[in-house]
Amino acid sequence: MPTHCCVPGCTKEGYRKEHGSKVSYFQFPREKIVKKKWIQAIRRDEGKDFKISDSTKVNSRHFRNEDLKKTLAGKICLKPGAIPSIFSWIRTSPRKRKPPTERNVCEPVASIATVSRSNASAESVVDFDLEEKVEVSIGLTTSVVENQNIILPEKECYDLTETITNKNKRIEELEQEINDIKLRLENAQRQITNLTKK
């Protein structure tokens, strides 16, 4: 009767553990699906170097206690569907990883309430009327602003103001187009309803 386990890296031979308790050996199940799961679990492939026969066995050290049951005669058996899950290559605790890096998420920029210009310097103070957290991105630097003034170079301030104005105009145009399309759709649906009634 064989006293070795077919799991790679398993050095246990014989029917006793180091401290004297019994080790049981189990044949591969006959059900194809469960048999495949065993082969995957023990990381083996059937081929010229490994063939499953009646003498190919996995010992009880590779099963959790919940997978084993004892008969009235004291024989240790596997519960139906039990799959080996304890191996030397499985870590007992998950590998530690560094936390993910924080990323800045762009939120909509509040409209510019006032722009006051200083004659003494070539910078402008932009007053944001903020009710929510706003993220402003200028060049390569990004800063989060909450209820405070930002000092920007005058040209960038003008460019931002112009961009916001243009985007707001485009939004209004698109909203008007949507309303026009909705009206045309309603008219078409009315005409279809009238034609189906006739």
Protein backbone atom coordinates (compact mmCIF):
# COMPACT_ATOMS: atom_id res chain seq x y z
CA MET A 1 0.00 0.00 0.00
CA PRO A 2 1.53 3.40 -0.96
CA THR A 3 2.61 5.71 1.79
CA HIS A 4 3.57 8.79 -0.17
CA CYS A 5 1.61 11.85 -1.33
CA CYS A 6 1.56 13.05 -4.97
CA VAL A 7 1.38 16.77 -4.05
CA PRO A 8 4.52 18.62 -5.24
CA GLY A 9 6.75 19.59 -2.33
CA CYS A 10 5.02 17.24 0.14
CA THR A 11 7.71 15.28 1.96
CA LYS A 12 5.37 13.29 4.21
CA GLU A 13 5.76 9.54 3.93
CA GLY A 14 4.11 6.91 6.08
CA TYR A 15 0.93 6.85 8.10
CA ARG A 16 2.01 8.83 11.17
CA LYS A 17 2.70 12.51 11.75
CA GLU A 18 5.76 13.67 13.67
CA HIS A 19 3.79 13.82 16.94
CA GLY A 20 2.23 10.38 16.39
CA SER A 21 -1.26 11.17 15.06
CA LYS A 22 -2.52 9.26 12.04
CA VAL A 23 -2.20 10.47 8.43
CA SER A 24 -4.77 9.20 5.92
CA TYR A 25 -4.34 8.91 2.15
CA PHE A 26 -7.15 9.50 -0.35
CA GLN A 27 -7.53 8.39 -3.95
CA PHE A 28 -8.56 10.90 -6.59
CA PRO A 29 -12.35 11.13 -6.94
CA ARG A 30 -14.06 9.40 -9.87
CA GLU A 31 -16.26 12.41 -10.73
CA LYS A 32 -14.56 14.27 -13.58
CA ILE A 33 -15.32 17.81 -12.34
CA VAL A 34 -14.09 17.19 -8.78
CA LYS A 35 -11.08 15.27 -10.13
CA LYS A 36 -10.18 18.28 -12.31
CA LYS A 37 -10.44 20.58 -9.29
CA TRP A 38 -8.06 18.32 -7.36
CA ILE A 39 -5.55 18.38 -10.23
CA GLN A 40 -5.75 22.18 -10.39
CA ALA A 41 -5.49 22.51 -6.61
CA ILE A 42 -2.34 20.40 -6.37
CA ARG A 43 -0.85 22.16 -9.42
CA ARG A 44 -0.20 19.05 -11.49
CA ASP A 45 -1.03 18.19 -15.08
CA GLU A 46 -1.66 14.69 -16.32
CA GLY A 47 0.96 13.73 -18.87
CA LYS A 48 3.98 11.49 -19.34
CA ASP A 49 5.44 12.55 -15.97
CA PHE A 50 2.22 12.28 -13.94
CA LYS A 51 -0.57 9.77 -14.41
CA ILE A 52 -3.46 9.26 -12.02
CA SER A 53 -3.96 5.64 -10.99
CA ASP A 54 -5.39 3.80 -7.98
CA SER A 55 -2.07 4.28 -6.19
CA THR A 56 -1.98 8.08 -6.78
CA LYS A 57 -3.03 9.63 -3.48
CA VAL A 58 -3.22 12.88 -1.54
CA ASN A 59 -2.74 12.78 2.22
CA SER A 60 -5.05 14.25 4.86
CA ARG A 61 -2.60 17.04 5.72
CA HIS A 62 -3.75 18.86 2.54
CA PHE A 63 -7.40 19.01 3.64
CA ARG A 64 -9.07 21.26 6.19
CA ASN A 65 -10.61 19.60 9.25
CA GLU A 66 -14.06 20.59 7.92
CA ASP A 67 -13.41 18.43 4.82
CA LEU A 68 -12.80 15.28 6.88
CA LYS A 69 -15.23 13.02 8.75
CA LYS A 70 -14.71 10.00 10.98
CA THR A 71 -16.78 6.86 10.50
CA LEU A 72 -18.18 4.85 13.41
CA ALA A 73 -15.30 2.42 12.92
CA GLY A 74 -12.83 5.32 13.35
CA LYS A 75 -11.78 5.51 9.70
CA ILE A 76 -11.15 9.03 8.36
CA CYS A 77 -13.03 9.77 5.12
CA LEU A 78 -13.51 12.81 2.93
CA LYS A 79 -16.81 14.63 2.79
CA PRO A 80 -18.36 14.73 -0.71
CA GLY A 81 -16.90 17.49 -2.89
CA ALA A 82 -13.88 18.07 -0.62
CA ILE A 83 -10.89 19.59 -2.43
CA PRO A 84 -7.31 19.74 -1.11
CA SER A 85 -6.49 23.30 -0.05
CA ILE A 86 -3.52 23.27 2.35
CA PHE A 87 -0.16 23.45 0.59
CA SER A 88 3.36 24.69 1.33
CA TRP A 89 3.13 27.27 -1.45
CA ILE A 90 0.06 28.99 0.02
CA ARG A 91 0.86 31.81 2.44
CA THR A 92 -0.98 31.85 5.74
CA SER A 93 -1.43 35.61 5.62
CA PRO A 94 -1.97 37.71 2.51
CA ARG A 95 0.99 39.58 1.05
CA LYS A 96 1.20 43.16 2.28
CA ARG A 97 0.99 45.81 -0.40
CA LYS A 98 1.46 49.52 -0.28
CA PRO A 99 -1.71 51.62 -0.29
CA PRO A 100 -2.87 53.05 -3.62
CA THR A 101 -1.62 56.50 -4.54
CA GLU A 102 -4.06 59.35 -4.14
CA ARG A 103 -5.39 60.79 -7.36
CA ASN A 104 -6.90 64.17 -7.98
CA VAL A 105 -10.35 64.04 -9.49
CA CYS A 106 -11.40 67.07 -11.47
CA GLU A 107 -14.64 68.59 -10.30
CA PRO A 108 -16.59 71.31 -12.10
CA VAL A 109 -15.02 74.76 -11.63
CA ALA A 110 -17.29 77.40 -10.10
CA SER A 111 -18.04 80.46 -12.19
CA ILE A 112 -15.82 83.48 -11.66
CA ALA A 113 -17.69 86.11 -9.70
CA THR A 114 -15.24 88.98 -9.95
CA VAL A 115 -11.82 89.69 -11.37
CA SER A 116 -9.99 92.59 -9.79
CA ARG A 117 -6.78 93.77 -11.42
CA SER A 118 -3.80 95.22 -9.67
CA ASN A 119 -1.89 97.96 -11.49
CA ALA A 120 1.20 97.41 -9.37
CA SER A 121 1.84 93.85 -10.57
CA ALA A 122 1.12 91.72 -13.61
CA GLU A 123 -1.12 89.40 -11.59
CA SER A 124 -4.85 89.26 -11.01
CA VAL A 125 -6.84 88.12 -8.02
CA VAL A 126 -9.67 85.80 -8.96
CA ASP A 127 -12.54 85.63 -6.51
CA PHE A 128 -14.38 82.32 -6.67
CA ASP A 129 -17.85 82.20 -5.23
CA LEU A 130 -17.43 78.70 -3.84
CA GLU A 131 -20.06 76.58 -2.25
CA GLU A 132 -18.30 73.31 -2.97
CA LYS A 133 -14.76 72.03 -3.22
CA VAL A 134 -13.19 73.17 -6.49
CA GLU A 135 -10.06 71.94 -8.20
CA VAL A 136 -8.11 74.38 -10.36
CA SER A 137 -5.36 73.18 -12.67
CA ILE A 138 -2.77 75.62 -14.03
CA GLY A 139 0.13 74.32 -16.08
CA LEU A 140 1.72 71.43 -14.22
CA THR A 141 0.51 72.35 -10.73
CA THR A 142 -2.89 71.46 -9.35
CA SER A 143 -4.35 72.94 -6.21
CA VAL A 144 -7.61 72.41 -4.38
CA VAL A 145 -9.37 75.62 -3.41
CA GLU A 146 -12.04 76.10 -0.83
CA ASN A 147 -13.43 79.55 -0.04
CA GLN A 148 -10.28 81.54 -0.82
CA ASN A 149 -8.71 83.77 -3.46
CA ILE A 150 -6.24 82.54 -6.05
CA ILE A 151 -3.52 84.72 -7.49
CA LEU A 152 -3.00 84.00 -11.19
CA PRO A 153 -0.95 85.71 -13.87
CA GLU A 154 -3.17 88.19 -15.75
CA LYS A 155 -3.01 86.40 -19.11
CA GLU A 156 -3.91 83.01 -17.61
CA CYS A 157 -6.75 84.63 -15.71
CA TYR A 158 -8.08 86.18 -18.93
CA ASP A 159 -7.68 82.87 -20.79
CA LEU A 160 -9.57 80.99 -18.07
CA THR A 161 -12.34 83.57 -18.05
CA GLU A 162 -12.65 83.38 -21.83
CA THR A 163 -12.65 79.57 -21.79
CA ILE A 164 -15.36 79.44 -19.14
CA THR A 165 -17.46 81.97 -21.04
CA ASN A 166 -17.11 80.02 -24.30
CA LYS A 167 -17.98 76.73 -22.60
CA ASN A 168 -21.05 78.28 -20.96
CA LYS A 169 -22.21 79.60 -24.35
CA ARG A 170 -21.74 76.15 -25.89
CA ILE A 171 -23.75 74.58 -23.06
CA GLU A 172 -26.60 77.02 -23.68
CA GLU A 173 -26.53 76.24 -27.43
CA LEU A 174 -26.65 72.50 -26.77
CA GLU A 175 -29.49 72.88 -24.27
CA GLN A 176 -31.44 74.86 -26.87
CA GLU A 177 -30.80 72.13 -29.46
CA ILE A 178 -32.07 69.52 -27.01
CA ASN A 179 -35.26 71.52 -26.41
CA ASP A 180 -35.81 71.91 -30.18
CA ILE A 181 -35.36 68.17 -30.72
CA LYS A 182 -37.78 67.40 -27.87
CA LEU A 183 -40.40 69.68 -29.46
CA ARG A 184 -39.95 68.00 -32.86
CA LEU A 185 -40.25 64.59 -31.22
CA GLU A 186 -43.48 65.59 -29.44
CA ASN A 187 -44.92 66.91 -32.73
CA ALA A 188 -43.97 63.70 -34.54
CA GLN A 189 -45.55 61.58 -31.80
CA ARG A 190 -48.75 63.66 -31.98
CA GLN A 191 -48.88 63.20 -35.75
CA ILE A 192 -48.37 59.43 -35.39
CA THR A 193 -51.15 59.29 -32.79
CA ASN A 194 -53.50 61.26 -35.07
CA LEU A 195 -52.71 59.02 -38.05
CA THR A 196 -53.28 55.82 -36.08
CA LYS A 197 -56.69 57.07 -34.88
CA LYS A 198 -57.93 57.56 -38.46
